[in-house]
Protein backbone atom coordinates (compact mmCIF):
# COMPACT_ATOMS: atom_id res chain seq x y z
CA UNK A 1 -0.05 -0.03 -0.01
CA UNK A 2 2.90 2.34 0.83
CA UNK A 3 4.57 1.69 -2.65
CA UNK A 4 1.26 2.34 -4.36
CA UNK A 5 1.00 5.33 -2.44
CA UNK A 6 4.43 6.77 -3.23
CA UNK A 7 3.82 5.69 -7.04
CA UNK A 8 0.52 7.86 -6.82
CA UNK A 9 2.23 10.93 -5.18
CA UNK A 10 5.05 10.75 -7.79
CA UNK A 11 2.91 10.63 -10.64
CA UNK A 12 0.70 13.65 -9.47
CA UNK A 13 3.84 15.63 -8.80
CA UNK A 14 5.21 15.29 -12.26
CA UNK A 15 1.68 15.96 -13.64
CA UNK A 16 1.65 19.09 -11.51
CA UNK A 17 4.95 20.32 -12.67
CA UNK A 18 4.53 20.01 -16.32
CA UNK A 19 0.98 21.78 -15.80
CA UNK A 20 2.85 24.56 -14.28
CA UNK A 21 5.57 24.58 -16.94
CA UNK A 22 3.25 24.52 -19.78
CA UNK A 23 1.05 27.43 -17.94
CA UNK A 24 3.95 29.72 -17.42
CA UNK A 25 5.42 28.96 -21.20
CA UNK A 26 2.05 29.69 -22.66
CA UNK A 27 1.80 32.99 -20.90
CA UNK A 28 5.19 34.13 -21.75
CA UNK A 29 4.67 33.71 -25.10
CA UNK A 30 1.23 35.42 -25.21
CA UNK A 31 2.57 38.41 -23.44
CA UNK A 32 5.62 38.91 -25.81
CA UNK A 33 3.63 38.49 -29.00
CA UNK A 34 0.73 40.91 -27.66
CA UNK A 35 0.47 44.35 -29.06
CA UNK A 36 1.94 47.34 -27.42
CA UNK A 37 5.28 48.40 -25.69
CA UNK A 38 5.99 48.71 -22.04
CA UNK A 39 8.60 51.09 -22.68
CA UNK A 40 6.13 53.86 -23.42
CA UNK A 41 5.06 54.40 -20.16
CA UNK A 42 8.30 55.59 -19.02
CA UNK A 43 9.07 58.01 -21.64
CA UNK A 44 7.36 61.25 -23.24
CA UNK A 45 6.35 60.96 -27.09
CA UNK A 46 8.47 64.22 -27.36
CA UNK A 47 11.51 62.64 -26.40
CA UNK A 48 14.17 61.15 -28.67
CA UNK A 49 13.45 57.78 -30.00
CA UNK A 50 16.95 56.80 -28.67
CA UNK A 51 15.68 56.81 -25.21
CA UNK A 52 13.02 54.27 -25.94
CA UNK A 53 15.75 52.08 -27.53
CA UNK A 54 17.86 52.50 -24.16
CA UNK A 55 14.87 51.73 -22.22
CA UNK A 56 13.96 48.58 -24.05
CA UNK A 57 17.59 47.45 -23.91
CA UNK A 58 17.64 47.98 -20.00
CA UNK A 59 14.73 45.59 -19.92
CA UNK A 60 16.19 43.00 -22.43
CA UNK A 61 13.34 43.73 -24.68
CA UNK A 62 15.54 43.85 -27.94
CA UNK A 63 16.75 40.10 -27.33
CA UNK A 64 15.12 37.55 -29.78
CA UNK A 65 12.07 35.78 -28.27
CA UNK A 66 13.77 32.31 -27.70
CA UNK A 67 16.60 33.99 -25.90
CA UNK A 68 14.28 35.75 -23.68
CA UNK A 69 12.54 32.68 -22.96
CA UNK A 70 15.52 30.78 -22.11
CA UNK A 71 16.70 33.57 -19.72
CA UNK A 72 13.33 33.43 -18.13
CA UNK A 73 13.25 29.85 -17.49
CA UNK A 74 16.99 29.78 -16.36
CA UNK A 75 16.12 32.75 -13.82
CA UNK A 76 12.97 31.04 -12.67
CA UNK A 77 14.72 28.13 -11.57
CA UNK A 78 16.93 30.28 -9.50
CA UNK A 79 13.93 31.93 -8.07
CA UNK A 80 14.51 35.29 -9.82
CA UNK A 81 11.40 36.43 -11.48
CA UNK A 82 12.92 39.80 -12.71
CA UNK A 83 12.40 43.31 -11.64
CA UNK A 84 8.99 45.07 -12.00
CA UNK A 85 8.81 47.68 -14.37
CA UNK A 86 6.55 49.79 -12.14
CA UNK A 87 7.95 49.26 -8.78
CA UNK A 88 11.46 49.08 -9.55
CA UNK A 89 12.06 46.13 -7.20
CA UNK A 90 12.18 42.27 -7.45
CA UNK A 91 8.89 40.85 -8.59
CA UNK A 92 8.99 38.04 -5.73
CA UNK A 93 9.05 40.90 -3.09
CA UNK A 94 6.12 42.84 -4.91
CA UNK A 95 4.16 39.61 -5.14
CA UNK A 96 4.80 38.54 -1.58
CA UNK A 97 3.77 42.04 -0.27
CA UNK A 98 0.28 41.65 -1.83
CA UNK A 99 0.15 37.84 -1.60
CA UNK A 100 0.36 38.13 2.27
CA UNK A 101 -2.80 39.77 2.33
CA UNK A 102 -4.69 37.53 -0.04
CA UNK A 103 -3.41 34.38 1.94
CA UNK A 104 -5.16 35.97 5.24
CA UNK A 105 -8.35 36.81 3.87
CA UNK A 106 -8.47 33.58 1.55
CA UNK A 107 -7.65 31.52 4.70
CA UNK A 108 -10.46 33.21 6.65
CA UNK A 109 -12.89 32.99 3.95
CA UNK A 110 -12.29 29.25 3.26
CA UNK A 111 -12.75 28.45 6.98
CA UNK A 112 -16.14 30.49 6.92
CA UNK A 113 -17.22 28.34 3.80
CA UNK A 114 -16.30 24.93 5.03
CA UNK A 115 -17.75 25.61 8.71
CA UNK A 116 -20.94 27.31 7.40
CA UNK A 117 -21.68 24.82 4.59
CA UNK A 118 -21.00 21.77 6.86
CA UNK A 119 -23.47 22.98 9.70
CA UNK A 120 -26.12 24.10 7.09
CA UNK A 121 -25.66 20.70 5.12
CA UNK A 122 -26.07 18.68 8.07
CA UNK A 123 -29.06 20.62 9.40
CA UNK A 124 -30.62 20.58 6.14
CA UNK A 125 -30.30 16.72 5.61
CA UNK A 126 -31.70 16.11 8.98
CA UNK A 127 -34.75 18.25 8.15
CA UNK A 128 -34.99 16.45 4.73
CA UNK A 129 -37.95 17.25 2.58
CA UNK A 130 -39.24 19.81 5.41
CA UNK A 131 -39.92 23.62 4.79
CA UNK A 132 -36.36 24.69 6.44
CA UNK A 133 -34.72 22.11 3.92
CA UNK A 134 -36.36 23.50 0.92
CA UNK A 135 -35.63 27.04 1.95
CA UNK A 136 -31.87 26.67 2.41
CA UNK A 137 -31.63 24.55 -0.75
CA UNK A 138 -33.44 27.29 -2.84
CA UNK A 139 -31.23 30.08 -1.31
CA UNK A 140 -28.22 28.17 -2.05
CA UNK A 141 -29.15 28.10 -5.71
CA UNK A 142 -29.69 31.56 -5.72
CA UNK A 143 -26.57 32.51 -4.09
CA UNK A 144 -24.58 30.09 -6.19
CA UNK A 145 -25.78 31.45 -9.38
CA UNK A 146 -25.38 35.17 -8.61
CA UNK A 147 -21.99 36.76 -9.54
CA UNK A 148 -19.76 37.61 -6.82
CA UNK A 149 -19.55 41.31 -8.05
CA UNK A 150 -23.24 41.58 -8.09
CA UNK A 151 -23.37 40.38 -4.43
CA UNK A 152 -20.60 42.95 -3.68
CA UNK A 153 -22.39 45.77 -5.33
CA UNK A 154 -25.57 44.84 -3.29
CA UNK A 155 -23.81 44.53 0.01
CA UNK A 156 -22.32 47.91 -0.50
CA UNK A 157 -25.30 49.66 -1.44
CA UNK A 158 -27.26 48.26 1.62
CA UNK A 159 -24.77 48.13 4.66
CA UNK A 160 -22.40 51.08 3.31
CA UNK A 161 -24.56 53.64 1.33
CA UNK A 162 -27.98 53.06 2.92
CA UNK A 163 -27.26 52.02 6.34
CA UNK A 164 -23.66 53.28 6.43
CA UNK A 165 -22.60 50.46 8.64
CA UNK A 166 -19.35 49.44 7.00
CA UNK A 167 -16.87 51.19 4.59
CA UNK A 168 -17.19 51.21 0.83
CA UNK A 169 -13.72 50.29 0.27
CA UNK A 170 -10.06 50.14 1.30
CA UNK A 171 -8.19 48.00 3.96
CA UNK A 172 -7.87 50.57 6.58
CA UNK A 173 -9.32 54.04 7.73
CA UNK A 174 -7.59 57.33 7.07
CA UNK A 175 -6.90 57.74 10.73
CA UNK A 176 -5.45 54.04 11.28
CA UNK A 177 -1.91 55.39 12.23
CA UNK A 178 -3.65 57.47 15.24
CA UNK A 179 -5.48 54.35 16.50
CA UNK A 180 -4.11 52.16 19.37
CA UNK A 181 -3.35 48.13 18.84
CA UNK A 182 -6.64 46.97 19.59
CA UNK A 183 -8.42 49.91 17.72
CA UNK A 184 -6.27 48.78 14.84
CA UNK A 185 -7.42 45.21 14.72
CA UNK A 186 -11.10 46.35 14.88
CA UNK A 187 -10.61 48.88 12.10
CA UNK A 188 -9.41 46.08 9.84
CA UNK A 189 -11.89 43.75 10.77
CA UNK A 190 -14.69 46.24 10.18
CA UNK A 191 -13.05 46.78 6.64
CA UNK A 192 -12.99 43.24 5.90
CA UNK A 193 -16.42 41.97 6.80
CA UNK A 194 -18.20 43.13 3.52
CA UNK A 195 -15.40 41.49 1.55
CA UNK A 196 -15.56 38.27 3.31
CA UNK A 197 -19.08 37.93 3.01
CA UNK A 198 -18.76 38.71 -0.70
CA UNK A 199 -16.09 36.08 -1.12
CA UNK A 200 -17.66 33.48 1.18
CA UNK A 201 -21.39 33.41 0.29
CA UNK A 202 -20.75 31.64 -3.08
CA UNK A 203 -18.46 29.38 -1.77
CA UNK A 204 -20.90 28.32 0.99
CA UNK A 205 -23.56 27.70 -1.49
CA UNK A 206 -21.20 25.29 -3.56
CA UNK A 207 -19.88 23.47 -0.59
CA UNK A 208 -23.37 23.14 0.55
CA UNK A 209 -24.82 21.62 -2.55
CA UNK A 210 -22.15 19.25 -2.75
CA UNK A 211 -22.09 18.17 0.88
CA UNK A 212 -25.84 18.21 1.09
CA UNK A 213 -26.35 15.93 -2.01
CA UNK A 214 -23.57 13.46 -0.85
CA UNK A 215 -25.27 13.20 2.77
CA UNK A 216 -28.44 12.41 1.04
CA UNK A 217 -26.80 9.56 -1.09
CA UNK A 218 -24.98 8.09 1.72
CA UNK A 219 -28.15 7.89 3.73
CA UNK A 220 -29.92 5.95 0.90
CA UNK A 221 -27.19 3.24 0.89
CA UNK A 222 -27.89 -0.27 2.22
CA UNK A 223 -25.35 -0.33 4.93
CA UNK A 224 -27.37 2.53 6.65
CA UNK A 225 -30.42 0.43 6.89
CA UNK A 226 -28.20 -2.39 8.53
CA UNK A 227 -26.82 -0.06 10.95
CA UNK A 228 -30.25 1.27 12.06
CA UNK A 229 -31.31 -2.51 12.38
CA UNK A 230 -28.38 -2.86 14.62
CA UNK A 231 -29.72 -0.50 16.91
CA UNK A 232 -27.48 2.62 16.30
CA UNK A 233 -28.86 5.84 16.94
CA UNK A 234 -29.07 8.50 14.26
CA UNK A 235 -26.53 10.79 15.86
CA UNK A 236 -23.98 8.04 15.81
CA UNK A 237 -24.88 7.13 12.21
CA UNK A 238 -24.54 10.67 11.11
CA UNK A 239 -21.19 11.13 12.90
CA UNK A 240 -19.42 7.99 12.27
CA UNK A 241 -20.63 6.70 9.04
CA UNK A 242 -22.30 9.29 6.91
CA UNK A 243 -20.20 12.29 7.28
CA UNK A 244 -16.76 10.39 6.89
CA UNK A 245 -18.26 8.84 3.46
CA UNK A 246 -19.65 12.17 2.30
CA UNK A 247 -16.57 14.29 2.82
CA UNK A 248 -14.41 12.61 0.18
CA UNK A 249 -15.86 13.93 -2.83
CA UNK A 250 -16.00 17.18 -1.42
CA UNK A 251 -12.35 17.43 -1.07
CA UNK A 252 -11.47 17.93 -4.77
CA UNK A 253 -14.01 20.89 -4.92
CA UNK A 254 -12.41 22.46 -1.87
CA UNK A 255 -8.96 22.30 -3.29
CA UNK A 256 -10.07 24.09 -6.32
CA UNK A 257 -11.87 26.71 -4.26
CA UNK A 258 -9.03 27.18 -2.07
CA UNK A 259 -6.68 27.56 -5.01
CA UNK A 260 -8.86 30.08 -6.59
CA UNK A 261 -8.95 32.18 -3.24
CA UNK A 262 -5.32 31.89 -2.66
CA UNK A 263 -4.40 32.89 -6.41
CA UNK A 264 -6.32 36.26 -5.92
CA UNK A 265 -9.83 37.20 -5.31
CA UNK A 266 -9.75 39.38 -8.32
CA UNK A 267 -13.36 40.99 -8.53
CA UNK A 268 -13.77 41.28 -4.72
CA UNK A 269 -10.33 43.08 -4.44
CA UNK A 270 -11.39 45.50 -7.18
CA UNK A 271 -14.63 46.02 -6.00
CA UNK A 272 -13.44 46.94 -2.45
CA UNK A 273 -10.18 48.41 -3.30
CA UNK A 274 -8.11 45.70 -1.41
CA UNK A 275 -4.33 45.19 -1.63
CA UNK A 276 -4.14 41.91 -2.80
CA UNK A 277 -2.98 39.48 -5.72
CA UNK A 278 -6.17 39.91 -8.01
CA UNK A 279 -5.75 43.75 -7.88
CA UNK A 280 -2.06 43.54 -8.49
CA UNK A 281 -2.51 41.29 -11.40
CA UNK A 282 -5.08 43.71 -13.14
CA UNK A 283 -2.62 46.70 -12.47
CA UNK A 284 0.16 44.73 -13.98
CA UNK A 285 -1.63 43.70 -16.97
CA UNK A 286 -3.04 47.37 -17.40
CA UNK A 287 0.64 48.82 -17.18
CA UNK A 288 2.12 45.98 -19.41
CA UNK A 289 4.46 45.16 -16.56
CA UNK A 290 5.69 41.99 -18.24
CA UNK A 291 7.89 40.53 -15.27
CA UNK A 292 5.04 41.26 -12.70
CA UNK A 293 2.44 39.64 -14.87
CA UNK A 294 4.51 36.51 -15.18
CA UNK A 295 5.31 36.61 -11.53
CA UNK A 296 1.53 37.09 -10.49
CA UNK A 297 0.35 34.23 -12.78
CA UNK A 298 3.17 32.03 -11.64
CA UNK A 299 2.10 32.45 -8.10
CA UNK A 300 -1.62 31.91 -8.94
CA UNK A 301 -0.64 28.88 -10.80
CA UNK A 302 1.48 27.45 -8.16
CA UNK A 303 -0.97 27.86 -5.69
CA UNK A 304 -3.87 26.43 -7.64
CA UNK A 305 -1.66 23.51 -8.59
CA UNK A 306 -0.44 22.76 -4.83
CA UNK A 307 -3.88 22.96 -3.20
CA UNK A 308 -5.09 20.41 -5.78
CA UNK A 309 -2.09 18.28 -5.42
CA UNK A 310 -2.68 18.18 -1.58
CA UNK A 311 -6.38 17.63 -1.79
CA UNK A 312 -5.53 14.69 -4.10
CA UNK A 313 -3.12 13.31 -1.32
CA UNK A 314 -5.69 14.01 1.23
CA UNK A 315 -8.35 11.93 -0.68
CA UNK A 316 -5.87 8.98 -1.20
CA UNK A 317 -5.45 8.97 2.67
CA UNK A 318 -9.18 9.13 3.43
CA UNK A 319 -10.22 6.58 0.88
CA UNK A 320 -7.80 3.75 0.18
CA UNK A 321 -9.92 2.52 -2.69
CA UNK A 322 -8.42 5.08 -4.94
CA UNK A 323 -5.11 3.51 -4.66
CA UNK A 324 -6.51 -0.05 -5.28
CA UNK A 325 -8.16 1.56 -8.28
CA UNK A 326 -5.13 3.32 -9.36
CA UNK A 327 -7.03 6.59 -9.31
CA UNK A 328 -5.18 9.71 -8.78
């Protein structure tokens, strides 16, 4: 079993590395062949064209495309993503500065999604075919089908414009520096409530639907009837037999959702003007900051692949039948 597990891990690891390599290679080519010139943002049209040539040389934009690609891959292996055109500092530092915020808000949102969807699904399946079950199921479909930017705009209109309960944008208040330690924490929480709701509500609906359906399917299995015939109470059956069997299929979905959150909650960060990876990616694209675009995409792709990789490992640990069936 250990040998099969090791082979499955190696196979998935190689597949993940190939996927990441292809992603970055395709991105590099698409960026380089796209129209436009990033040097124009640094010079005035009235200045000499020799200055534009000098700027292009400084950024190695005059080298042939294959040489740029080989240099890029070589530097990437060494952990050097280049210098950002806009920030004039190493891309890895810029990405980490914005990624650290995204990691925190994504982790909080993911925990909220998992916890809320778990309790809603368990409560709903216990009230199966009753009014509360149908109500929660219908609401989950509505929230799941509603785009996150629509939810964000509605929340801003209701709770920031009409009620004036939360700020419309930003991560901290203008007087943040004058606050004490505890007031700063409360100020950040106050600013993050609406973004967290916007991020979490669609994920809660998604996880709820998967878990609710899985729980219902498990309840219809023959072994559940046998457990009831043996005298086990419903709480024991739910806790020890139904939930463990229903969690497995949810892990893959959770891995994808976590990867999306970690790679940058694009729309939410733009709507609420948050300093995260999503907003950084948009800014780098608009300013044609080649190294930063590649750095953001590399970080996003790496996080997505890592979360799915560990989700696969977790599924293998939970369900050994995947190893016997050579499914990975």
